[in-house]
Amino acid sequence: MDQDTRLKRTRFRAWHRGTREADFMIGGFFDAHHAAWSEEQLQWFERLLEEQDVDIMGWAIGSIPCPPEWDGAMMDTMRQVDFAVAIPGTRQGV
């Protein structure tokens, strides 16, 4: 699969998680950071998408311990939750 198709597929998977909260956290993280990722970081994120949303969100907000295989620089960046998305139905998201 070419890189453009791969990124579109990954973005779709990041934004279609099952709950709005997970969509905003995981999809927003992808949108804010994927352009600067290395191949290794993109592979990490693609593997992360195989995990359950409740686990990903729990690791990111610190409500449950993060397994060593997911802990590191990428999860630290996700924990910052400094990426903003326009939430549909709000003034910014119209």
N, C-alpha and C. Protein backbone atom coordinates (compact mmCIF):
# COMPACT_ATOMS: atom_id res chain seq x y z
N MET A 1 0.86 -1.17 0.00
CA MET A 1 0.00 0.00 0.00
C MET A 1 0.90 1.23 0.00
N ASP A 2 0.56 2.22 -0.80
CA ASP A 2 1.38 3.43 -0.85
C ASP A 2 1.17 4.26 0.43
N GLN A 3 2.08 5.19 0.68
CA GLN A 3 2.09 5.96 1.92
C GLN A 3 0.83 6.81 2.09
N ASP A 4 0.35 7.42 1.01
CA ASP A 4 -0.84 8.26 1.10
C ASP A 4 -2.06 7.44 1.52
N THR A 5 -2.22 6.28 0.91
CA THR A 5 -3.34 5.39 1.26
C THR A 5 -3.21 4.91 2.69
N ARG A 6 -1.99 4.58 3.08
CA ARG A 6 -1.74 4.11 4.45
C ARG A 6 -2.13 5.19 5.47
N LEU A 7 -1.74 6.44 5.22
CA LEU A 7 -2.07 7.52 6.15
C LEU A 7 -3.57 7.79 6.19
N LYS A 8 -4.22 7.73 5.05
CA LYS A 8 -5.67 7.92 5.02
C LYS A 8 -6.37 6.82 5.80
N ARG A 9 -5.92 5.60 5.63
CA ARG A 9 -6.50 4.46 6.35
C ARG A 9 -6.29 4.62 7.86
N THR A 10 -5.08 5.00 8.24
CA THR A 10 -4.76 5.17 9.65
C THR A 10 -5.58 6.30 10.25
N ARG A 11 -5.71 7.39 9.52
CA ARG A 11 -6.52 8.51 10.01
C ARG A 11 -7.97 8.09 10.19
N PHE A 12 -8.52 7.35 9.24
CA PHE A 12 -9.89 6.88 9.36
C PHE A 12 -10.04 6.03 10.62
N ARG A 13 -9.12 5.11 10.83
CA ARG A 13 -9.18 4.23 12.01
C ARG A 13 -9.04 5.03 13.30
N ALA A 14 -8.24 6.09 13.27
CA ALA A 14 -8.05 6.91 14.47
C ALA A 14 -9.31 7.70 14.81
N TRP A 15 -10.05 8.12 13.78
CA TRP A 15 -11.23 8.96 13.99
C TRP A 15 -12.54 8.16 14.08
N HIS A 16 -12.50 6.87 13.91
CA HIS A 16 -13.71 6.04 13.98
C HIS A 16 -13.51 4.92 14.99
N ARG A 17 -13.45 5.33 16.26
CA ARG A 17 -13.13 4.40 17.33
C ARG A 17 -14.35 3.76 17.97
N GLY A 18 -15.44 4.47 18.03
CA GLY A 18 -16.62 3.90 18.68
C GLY A 18 -17.27 4.85 19.67
N THR A 19 -16.49 5.76 20.23
CA THR A 19 -17.06 6.79 21.09
C THR A 19 -16.48 8.13 20.65
N ARG A 20 -17.25 9.18 20.88
CA ARG A 20 -16.78 10.52 20.49
C ARG A 20 -15.52 10.89 21.26
N GLU A 21 -15.47 10.52 22.54
CA GLU A 21 -14.31 10.85 23.35
C GLU A 21 -13.04 10.22 22.78
N ALA A 22 -13.14 8.94 22.43
CA ALA A 22 -11.99 8.26 21.85
C ALA A 22 -11.65 8.84 20.48
N ASP A 23 -12.67 9.14 19.69
CA ASP A 23 -12.43 9.76 18.38
C ASP A 23 -11.63 11.04 18.53
N PHE A 24 -12.06 11.90 19.45
CA PHE A 24 -11.39 13.19 19.62
C PHE A 24 -9.98 13.02 20.17
N MET A 25 -9.80 12.13 21.13
CA MET A 25 -8.47 11.96 21.71
C MET A 25 -7.51 11.31 20.72
N ILE A 26 -7.91 10.19 20.16
CA ILE A 26 -7.00 9.41 19.30
C ILE A 26 -6.90 10.04 17.91
N GLY A 27 -8.02 10.44 17.35
CA GLY A 27 -8.01 11.10 16.05
C GLY A 27 -7.33 12.46 16.11
N GLY A 28 -7.59 13.21 17.17
CA GLY A 28 -6.96 14.50 17.34
C GLY A 28 -5.45 14.37 17.51
N PHE A 29 -5.02 13.36 18.23
CA PHE A 29 -3.59 13.08 18.39
C PHE A 29 -2.95 12.79 17.03
N PHE A 30 -3.60 11.94 16.24
CA PHE A 30 -3.08 11.63 14.91
C PHE A 30 -2.96 12.89 14.06
N ASP A 31 -4.04 13.67 13.99
CA ASP A 31 -4.04 14.87 13.16
C ASP A 31 -2.96 15.86 13.58
N ALA A 32 -2.76 16.01 14.88
CA ALA A 32 -1.81 16.99 15.38
C ALA A 32 -0.35 16.59 15.19
N HIS A 33 -0.08 15.29 15.14
CA HIS A 33 1.31 14.85 15.22
C HIS A 33 1.82 13.97 14.08
N HIS A 34 0.97 13.37 13.30
CA HIS A 34 1.44 12.34 12.36
C HIS A 34 2.43 12.86 11.32
N ALA A 35 2.33 14.12 10.94
CA ALA A 35 3.20 14.65 9.88
C ALA A 35 4.68 14.60 10.27
N ALA A 36 4.97 14.63 11.56
CA ALA A 36 6.36 14.62 12.02
C ALA A 36 6.85 13.23 12.43
N TRP A 37 6.00 12.21 12.32
CA TRP A 37 6.39 10.88 12.77
C TRP A 37 7.34 10.19 11.82
N SER A 38 8.23 9.42 12.41
CA SER A 38 9.10 8.53 11.65
C SER A 38 8.31 7.27 11.29
N GLU A 39 8.88 6.42 10.49
CA GLU A 39 8.25 5.14 10.15
C GLU A 39 8.00 4.32 11.42
N GLU A 40 8.96 4.32 12.31
CA GLU A 40 8.81 3.56 13.57
C GLU A 40 7.65 4.10 14.41
N GLN A 41 7.52 5.41 14.48
CA GLN A 41 6.44 6.01 15.25
C GLN A 41 5.08 5.74 14.61
N LEU A 42 5.01 5.77 13.30
CA LEU A 42 3.76 5.44 12.62
C LEU A 42 3.38 3.99 12.88
N GLN A 43 4.35 3.09 12.84
CA GLN A 43 4.07 1.68 13.13
C GLN A 43 3.58 1.51 14.56
N TRP A 44 4.17 2.26 15.50
CA TRP A 44 3.73 2.21 16.90
C TRP A 44 2.25 2.60 16.98
N PHE A 45 1.89 3.70 16.31
CA PHE A 45 0.52 4.17 16.36
C PHE A 45 -0.43 3.17 15.70
N GLU A 46 -0.04 2.59 14.59
CA GLU A 46 -0.89 1.58 13.93
C GLU A 46 -1.11 0.38 14.85
N ARG A 47 -0.09 -0.02 15.57
CA ARG A 47 -0.26 -1.13 16.53
C ARG A 47 -1.16 -0.70 17.69
N LEU A 48 -0.99 0.55 18.13
CA LEU A 48 -1.82 1.07 19.23
C LEU A 48 -3.30 1.00 18.86
N LEU A 49 -3.62 1.26 17.62
CA LEU A 49 -5.03 1.24 17.18
C LEU A 49 -5.68 -0.13 17.32
N GLU A 50 -4.88 -1.16 17.50
CA GLU A 50 -5.42 -2.51 17.72
C GLU A 50 -5.89 -2.71 19.16
N GLU A 51 -5.49 -1.80 20.03
CA GLU A 51 -5.87 -1.91 21.44
C GLU A 51 -7.28 -1.36 21.66
N GLN A 52 -7.86 -1.68 22.80
CA GLN A 52 -9.19 -1.20 23.15
C GLN A 52 -9.15 0.29 23.49
N ASP A 53 -10.16 1.01 23.07
CA ASP A 53 -10.24 2.46 23.32
C ASP A 53 -10.13 2.79 24.81
N VAL A 54 -10.83 2.04 25.63
CA VAL A 54 -10.83 2.31 27.06
C VAL A 54 -9.42 2.19 27.63
N ASP A 55 -8.64 1.26 27.10
CA ASP A 55 -7.26 1.11 27.56
C ASP A 55 -6.39 2.28 27.09
N ILE A 56 -6.49 2.61 25.80
CA ILE A 56 -5.70 3.72 25.25
C ILE A 56 -5.98 5.01 26.02
N MET A 57 -7.25 5.29 26.22
CA MET A 57 -7.62 6.51 26.92
C MET A 57 -7.17 6.47 28.38
N GLY A 58 -7.30 5.33 29.02
CA GLY A 58 -6.85 5.18 30.40
C GLY A 58 -5.35 5.39 30.54
N TRP A 59 -4.58 4.85 29.60
CA TRP A 59 -3.13 5.04 29.63
C TRP A 59 -2.79 6.51 29.41
N ALA A 60 -3.52 7.14 28.48
CA ALA A 60 -3.22 8.54 28.13
C ALA A 60 -3.58 9.51 29.25
N ILE A 61 -4.67 9.26 29.95
CA ILE A 61 -5.05 10.19 31.03
C ILE A 61 -4.53 9.75 32.40
N GLY A 62 -3.92 8.57 32.44
CA GLY A 62 -3.29 8.11 33.67
C GLY A 62 -4.21 7.43 34.66
N SER A 63 -5.40 7.04 34.23
CA SER A 63 -6.33 6.39 35.16
C SER A 63 -6.02 4.91 35.35
N ILE A 64 -5.26 4.33 34.42
CA ILE A 64 -4.79 2.95 34.56
C ILE A 64 -3.31 2.91 34.16
N PRO A 65 -2.55 2.00 34.77
CA PRO A 65 -1.13 1.92 34.43
C PRO A 65 -0.91 1.55 32.96
N CYS A 66 0.07 2.17 32.38
CA CYS A 66 0.40 1.93 30.98
C CYS A 66 1.41 0.78 30.89
N PRO A 67 1.11 -0.25 30.10
CA PRO A 67 2.08 -1.35 29.93
C PRO A 67 3.38 -0.83 29.33
N PRO A 68 4.50 -1.46 29.67
CA PRO A 68 5.80 -1.00 29.19
C PRO A 68 5.91 -0.90 27.67
N GLU A 69 5.22 -1.79 26.94
CA GLU A 69 5.33 -1.76 25.48
C GLU A 69 4.70 -0.52 24.86
N TRP A 70 3.84 0.18 25.60
CA TRP A 70 3.20 1.39 25.09
C TRP A 70 3.75 2.65 25.74
N ASP A 71 4.43 2.50 26.86
CA ASP A 71 4.96 3.66 27.56
C ASP A 71 6.20 4.17 26.85
N GLY A 72 6.34 5.47 26.78
CA GLY A 72 7.49 6.07 26.11
C GLY A 72 7.16 7.44 25.57
N ALA A 73 7.98 7.91 24.65
CA ALA A 73 7.84 9.27 24.12
C ALA A 73 6.49 9.51 23.45
N MET A 74 6.02 8.55 22.67
CA MET A 74 4.75 8.74 21.96
C MET A 74 3.59 8.83 22.96
N MET A 75 3.56 7.95 23.95
CA MET A 75 2.50 8.00 24.95
C MET A 75 2.63 9.27 25.79
N ASP A 76 3.85 9.69 26.06
CA ASP A 76 4.05 10.94 26.79
C ASP A 76 3.44 12.11 26.02
N THR A 77 3.61 12.12 24.71
CA THR A 77 3.02 13.17 23.87
C THR A 77 1.51 13.08 23.91
N MET A 78 0.97 11.87 23.86
CA MET A 78 -0.49 11.70 23.92
C MET A 78 -1.01 12.17 25.27
N ARG A 79 -0.25 11.95 26.32
CA ARG A 79 -0.67 12.36 27.67
C ARG A 79 -0.78 13.87 27.81
N GLN A 80 -0.08 14.61 27.01
CA GLN A 80 -0.13 16.07 27.10
C GLN A 80 -1.50 16.60 26.68
N VAL A 81 -2.21 15.87 25.85
CA VAL A 81 -3.53 16.24 25.36
C VAL A 81 -3.58 17.73 25.04
N ASP A 82 -2.56 18.19 24.35
CA ASP A 82 -2.49 19.61 24.00
C ASP A 82 -2.93 19.86 22.55
N PHE A 83 -3.50 18.84 21.95
CA PHE A 83 -3.98 18.98 20.58
C PHE A 83 -5.46 19.32 20.66
N ALA A 84 -5.86 20.29 19.89
CA ALA A 84 -7.24 20.77 19.95
C ALA A 84 -7.99 20.35 18.70
N VAL A 85 -9.24 20.00 18.89
CA VAL A 85 -10.12 19.71 17.76
C VAL A 85 -11.39 20.52 17.92
N ALA A 86 -11.98 20.86 16.82
CA ALA A 86 -13.27 21.57 16.87
C ALA A 86 -14.35 20.52 17.08
N ILE A 87 -15.04 20.61 18.17
CA ILE A 87 -16.08 19.64 18.51
C ILE A 87 -17.37 20.01 17.81
N PRO A 88 -17.91 19.10 17.00
CA PRO A 88 -19.17 19.40 16.31
C PRO A 88 -20.25 19.79 17.32
N GLY A 89 -21.04 20.79 16.94
CA GLY A 89 -22.11 21.23 17.81
C GLY A 89 -21.71 22.37 18.72
N THR A 90 -20.42 22.71 18.74
CA THR A 90 -19.97 23.87 19.51
C THR A 90 -19.81 25.05 18.57
N ARG A 91 -19.67 26.20 19.11
CA ARG A 91 -19.51 27.41 18.28
C ARG A 91 -18.33 27.25 17.32
N GLN A 92 -17.18 26.73 17.80
CA GLN A 92 -16.01 26.56 16.95
C GLN A 92 -16.23 25.47 15.90
N GLY A 93 -16.94 24.42 16.28
CA GLY A 93 -17.16 23.30 15.37
C GLY A 93 -18.42 23.44 14.54
N VAL A 94 -19.14 24.51 14.73
CA VAL A 94 -20.40 24.86 14.05
C VAL A 94 -21.29 23.68 13.92
